[in-house]
Amino acid sequence: MTKADLVVRVHEAIGPGVTKKDCAALVDGFLNAIKQAMVDGENIEIRGFGTFKVRDRQPRLGRNPRTGEAVIVPARAVPVFKPSRLFKAEVEEAH
């Protein structure tokens, strides 16, 4: 599903009173709010859906696949999503 598909689904869910352009602005605003909160180091919890977090990965020893030479992979922050139990159950039930 692309962002355009998401806009169409939001438009269908809201109904005829709102334009697709307004729905696109809504989707963009929502995604930007999540992105900015994560950049600021905040966790986002949406009950019944899941939690968006930023985790710090420790530096580790990796290997260059061409040469086999050991390389240190630096520490970094990565965004993660943890689905709620309810969300997991719905997905499992659908498949």
C-alpha atoms as a PDB file:
ATOM      1  CA  MET A   1       0.000   0.000   0.000  1.00  0.00           C
ATOM      2  CA  THR A   2       1.331   3.425  -0.914  1.00  0.00           C
ATOM      3  CA  LYS A   3       0.616   6.764   0.717  1.00  0.00           C
ATOM      4  CA  ALA A   4      -1.793   7.545  -2.159  1.00  0.00           C
ATOM      5  CA  ASP A   5      -3.698   4.319  -1.394  1.00  0.00           C
ATOM      6  CA  LEU A   6      -3.844   5.326   2.249  1.00  0.00           C
ATOM      7  CA  VAL A   7      -5.277   8.735   1.290  1.00  0.00           C
ATOM      8  CA  VAL A   8      -7.988   6.998  -0.765  1.00  0.00           C
ATOM      9  CA  ARG A   9      -8.908   4.722   2.152  1.00  0.00           C
ATOM     10  CA  VAL A  10      -9.057   7.652   4.579  1.00  0.00           C
ATOM     11  CA  HIS A  11     -11.230   9.555   2.100  1.00  0.00           C
ATOM     12  CA  GLU A  12     -13.584   6.574   1.815  1.00  0.00           C
ATOM     13  CA  ALA A  13     -13.734   6.204   5.615  1.00  0.00           C
ATOM     14  CA  ILE A  14     -14.490   9.888   6.254  1.00  0.00           C
ATOM     15  CA  GLY A  15     -17.120  10.214   3.555  1.00  0.00           C
ATOM     16  CA  PRO A  16     -18.110  12.763   0.941  1.00  0.00           C
ATOM     17  CA  GLY A  17     -17.815  15.850   3.186  1.00  0.00           C
ATOM     18  CA  VAL A  18     -14.018  16.019   2.864  1.00  0.00           C
ATOM     19  CA  THR A  19     -11.934  16.283  -0.329  1.00  0.00           C
ATOM     20  CA  LYS A  20      -9.080  13.955  -1.227  1.00  0.00           C
ATOM     21  CA  LYS A  21      -6.753  16.961  -0.993  1.00  0.00           C
ATOM     22  CA  ASP A  22      -7.817  17.502   2.618  1.00  0.00           C
ATOM     23  CA  CYS A  23      -7.337  13.793   3.336  1.00  0.00           C
ATOM     24  CA  ALA A  24      -3.853  13.950   1.816  1.00  0.00           C
ATOM     25  CA  ALA A  25      -3.030  16.890   4.110  1.00  0.00           C
ATOM     26  CA  LEU A  26      -4.381  14.920   7.074  1.00  0.00           C
ATOM     27  CA  VAL A  27      -2.280  11.846   6.253  1.00  0.00           C
ATOM     28  CA  ASP A  28       0.826  13.988   5.654  1.00  0.00           C
ATOM     29  CA  GLY A  29       0.284  15.837   8.924  1.00  0.00           C
ATOM     30  CA  PHE A  30      -0.147  12.604  10.868  1.00  0.00           C
ATOM     31  CA  LEU A  31       2.961  10.993   9.396  1.00  0.00           C
ATOM     32  CA  ASN A  32       5.023  14.159   9.887  1.00  0.00           C
ATOM     33  CA  ALA A  33       3.897  14.400  13.521  1.00  0.00           C
ATOM     34  CA  ILE A  34       5.034  10.815  14.153  1.00  0.00           C
ATOM     35  CA  LYS A  35       8.317  11.418  12.338  1.00  0.00           C
ATOM     36  CA  GLN A  36       9.064  14.647  14.231  1.00  0.00           C
ATOM     37  CA  ALA A  37       8.216  13.083  17.595  1.00  0.00           C
ATOM     38  CA  MET A  38      10.631  10.236  16.888  1.00  0.00           C
ATOM     39  CA  VAL A  39      13.344  12.665  15.761  1.00  0.00           C
ATOM     40  CA  ASP A  40      12.837  14.454  19.094  1.00  0.00           C
ATOM     41  CA  GLY A  41      13.322  11.121  20.902  1.00  0.00           C
ATOM     42  CA  GLU A  42       9.688  10.649  21.960  1.00  0.00           C
ATOM     43  CA  ASN A  43       7.740   7.383  21.919  1.00  0.00           C
ATOM     44  CA  ILE A  44       4.317   7.340  20.282  1.00  0.00           C
ATOM     45  CA  GLU A  45       1.711   4.961  21.692  1.00  0.00           C
ATOM     46  CA  ILE A  46      -1.534   4.439  19.791  1.00  0.00           C
ATOM     47  CA  ARG A  47      -3.802   2.195  21.870  1.00  0.00           C
ATOM     48  CA  GLY A  48      -5.019  -0.847  19.983  1.00  0.00           C
ATOM     49  CA  PHE A  49      -2.471  -0.254  17.197  1.00  0.00           C
ATOM     50  CA  GLY A  50       1.069  -0.176  18.546  1.00  0.00           C
ATOM     51  CA  THR A  51       4.060   1.832  19.686  1.00  0.00           C
ATOM     52  CA  PHE A  52       6.656   3.688  17.653  1.00  0.00           C
ATOM     53  CA  LYS A  53      10.034   4.003  19.406  1.00  0.00           C
ATOM     54  CA  VAL A  54      13.615   4.970  18.715  1.00  0.00           C
ATOM     55  CA  ARG A  55      16.144   2.378  19.844  1.00  0.00           C
ATOM     56  CA  ASP A  56      19.875   2.830  20.129  1.00  0.00           C
ATOM     57  CA  ARG A  57      21.922   0.097  18.512  1.00  0.00           C
ATOM     58  CA  GLN A  58      25.298  -0.623  20.038  1.00  0.00           C
ATOM     59  CA  PRO A  59      28.447  -0.580  17.925  1.00  0.00           C
ATOM     60  CA  ARG A  60      29.362  -4.029  16.664  1.00  0.00           C
ATOM     61  CA  LEU A  61      31.949  -5.885  14.676  1.00  0.00           C
ATOM     62  CA  GLY A  62      30.920  -6.645  11.095  1.00  0.00           C
ATOM     63  CA  ARG A  63      32.680  -8.044   8.048  1.00  0.00           C
ATOM     64  CA  ASN A  64      33.252  -6.682   4.573  1.00  0.00           C
ATOM     65  CA  PRO A  65      31.655  -9.385   2.398  1.00  0.00           C
ATOM     66  CA  ARG A  66      34.187  -8.894  -0.426  1.00  0.00           C
ATOM     67  CA  THR A  67      37.385  -9.027   1.573  1.00  0.00           C
ATOM     68  CA  GLY A  68      36.298 -10.666   4.816  1.00  0.00           C
ATOM     69  CA  GLU A  69      38.017  -7.797   6.641  1.00  0.00           C
ATOM     70  CA  ALA A  70      36.620  -6.925  10.092  1.00  0.00           C
ATOM     71  CA  VAL A  71      34.866  -3.556  10.183  1.00  0.00           C
ATOM     72  CA  ILE A  72      33.411  -1.711  13.166  1.00  0.00           C
ATOM     73  CA  VAL A  73      29.779  -0.773  12.545  1.00  0.00           C
ATOM     74  CA  PRO A  74      29.135   2.415  14.561  1.00  0.00           C
ATOM     75  CA  ALA A  75      26.321   2.908  17.069  1.00  0.00           C
ATOM     76  CA  ARG A  76      23.148   4.417  15.659  1.00  0.00           C
ATOM     77  CA  ALA A  77      19.535   5.189  16.457  1.00  0.00           C
ATOM     78  CA  VAL A  78      16.869   3.209  14.569  1.00  0.00           C
ATOM     79  CA  PRO A  79      13.081   3.634  14.475  1.00  0.00           C
ATOM     80  CA  VAL A  80      11.075   0.557  15.485  1.00  0.00           C
ATOM     81  CA  PHE A  81       7.380  -0.321  15.568  1.00  0.00           C
ATOM     82  CA  LYS A  82       5.913  -2.753  18.074  1.00  0.00           C
ATOM     83  CA  PRO A  83       2.322  -3.778  17.283  1.00  0.00           C
ATOM     84  CA  SER A  84      -0.207  -4.118  20.099  1.00  0.00           C
ATOM     85  CA  ARG A  85      -1.523  -7.519  21.132  1.00  0.00           C
ATOM     86  CA  LEU A  86      -4.914  -6.639  19.630  1.00  0.00           C
ATOM     87  CA  PHE A  87      -3.327  -5.681  16.297  1.00  0.00           C
ATOM     88  CA  LYS A  88      -1.225  -8.868  16.249  1.00  0.00           C
ATOM     89  CA  ALA A  89      -4.315 -10.967  16.965  1.00  0.00           C
ATOM     90  CA  GLU A  90      -6.281  -9.344  14.124  1.00  0.00           C
ATOM     91  CA  VAL A  91      -3.465  -9.944  11.640  1.00  0.00           C
ATOM     92  CA  GLU A  92      -3.034 -13.540  12.785  1.00  0.00           C
ATOM     93  CA  GLU A  93      -6.771 -14.152  12.539  1.00  0.00           C
ATOM     94  CA  ALA A  94      -6.877 -12.758   8.978  1.00  0.00           C
ATOM     95  CA  HIS A  95      -4.118 -15.083   7.787  1.00  0.00           C
END
